[in-house]
Amino acid sequence: MLDFFEMERVIEELAKAYPAQCATTWFKITKNHKPSEEEYRNKVAST
């Protein structure tokens, strides 16, 4: 039987990193270079 531990770990990390990068890009595009913590968290959660 194959061990998919590493693949599962990669997918888990991707799921965590992708929304944060999308939120960062969104704030750069909208020229909001210093969003509040609340704005950033809301954007990450909605991605």
C-alpha atoms as a PDB file:
ATOM      1  CA  MET A   1       0.000   0.000   0.000  1.00  0.00           C
ATOM      2  CA  LEU A   2       1.274   3.455  -0.851  1.00  0.00           C
ATOM      3  CA  ASP A   3       1.988   6.047   1.817  1.00  0.00           C
ATOM      4  CA  PHE A   4       0.433   9.374   0.896  1.00  0.00           C
ATOM      5  CA  PHE A   5       1.619  11.199   4.007  1.00  0.00           C
ATOM      6  CA  GLU A   6       3.818  13.658   2.092  1.00  0.00           C
ATOM      7  CA  MET A   7       1.121  14.361  -0.503  1.00  0.00           C
ATOM      8  CA  GLU A   8      -1.431  15.001   2.238  1.00  0.00           C
ATOM      9  CA  ARG A   9       1.009  17.362   3.939  1.00  0.00           C
ATOM     10  CA  VAL A  10       1.602  19.299   0.705  1.00  0.00           C
ATOM     11  CA  ILE A  11      -2.129  19.665   0.091  1.00  0.00           C
ATOM     12  CA  GLU A  12      -2.703  20.781   3.682  1.00  0.00           C
ATOM     13  CA  GLU A  13       0.054  23.411   3.446  1.00  0.00           C
ATOM     14  CA  LEU A  14      -1.274  24.624   0.096  1.00  0.00           C
ATOM     15  CA  ALA A  15      -4.734  25.045   1.584  1.00  0.00           C
ATOM     16  CA  LYS A  16      -3.235  27.221   4.320  1.00  0.00           C
ATOM     17  CA  ALA A  17      -0.910  29.301   2.144  1.00  0.00           C
ATOM     18  CA  TYR A  18      -3.129  29.970  -0.883  1.00  0.00           C
ATOM     19  CA  PRO A  19      -5.773  32.191   0.814  1.00  0.00           C
ATOM     20  CA  ALA A  20      -3.103  34.334   2.491  1.00  0.00           C
ATOM     21  CA  GLN A  21      -1.330  34.956  -0.819  1.00  0.00           C
ATOM     22  CA  CYS A  22      -4.619  35.769  -2.543  1.00  0.00           C
ATOM     23  CA  ALA A  23      -5.502  38.261   0.189  1.00  0.00           C
ATOM     24  CA  THR A  24      -2.071  39.898  -0.030  1.00  0.00           C
ATOM     25  CA  THR A  25      -2.390  40.214  -3.803  1.00  0.00           C
ATOM     26  CA  TRP A  26      -5.909  41.618  -3.450  1.00  0.00           C
ATOM     27  CA  PHE A  27      -4.750  44.366  -1.111  1.00  0.00           C
ATOM     28  CA  LYS A  28      -1.870  45.240  -3.459  1.00  0.00           C
ATOM     29  CA  ILE A  29      -4.225  45.459  -6.444  1.00  0.00           C
ATOM     30  CA  THR A  30      -6.672  47.657  -4.543  1.00  0.00           C
ATOM     31  CA  LYS A  31      -3.762  49.829  -3.334  1.00  0.00           C
ATOM     32  CA  ASN A  32      -4.514  49.138   0.305  1.00  0.00           C
ATOM     33  CA  HIS A  33      -0.925  48.524   1.383  1.00  0.00           C
ATOM     34  CA  LYS A  34      -1.647  48.546   5.117  1.00  0.00           C
ATOM     35  CA  PRO A  35      -4.944  46.776   5.797  1.00  0.00           C
ATOM     36  CA  SER A  36      -6.023  46.366   9.382  1.00  0.00           C
ATOM     37  CA  GLU A  37      -5.676  42.934  10.963  1.00  0.00           C
ATOM     38  CA  GLU A  38      -9.451  42.556  10.850  1.00  0.00           C
ATOM     39  CA  GLU A  39      -9.620  43.405   7.129  1.00  0.00           C
ATOM     40  CA  TYR A  40      -6.833  40.940   6.365  1.00  0.00           C
ATOM     41  CA  ARG A  41      -8.376  38.135   8.417  1.00  0.00           C
ATOM     42  CA  ASN A  42     -11.782  38.668   6.827  1.00  0.00           C
ATOM     43  CA  LYS A  43     -10.273  38.566   3.341  1.00  0.00           C
ATOM     44  CA  VAL A  44      -8.298  35.384   4.093  1.00  0.00           C
ATOM     45  CA  ALA A  45     -11.386  33.729   5.546  1.00  0.00           C
ATOM     46  CA  SER A  46     -13.510  34.626   2.539  1.00  0.00           C
ATOM     47  CA  THR A  47     -10.996  33.250   0.017  1.00  0.00           C
END
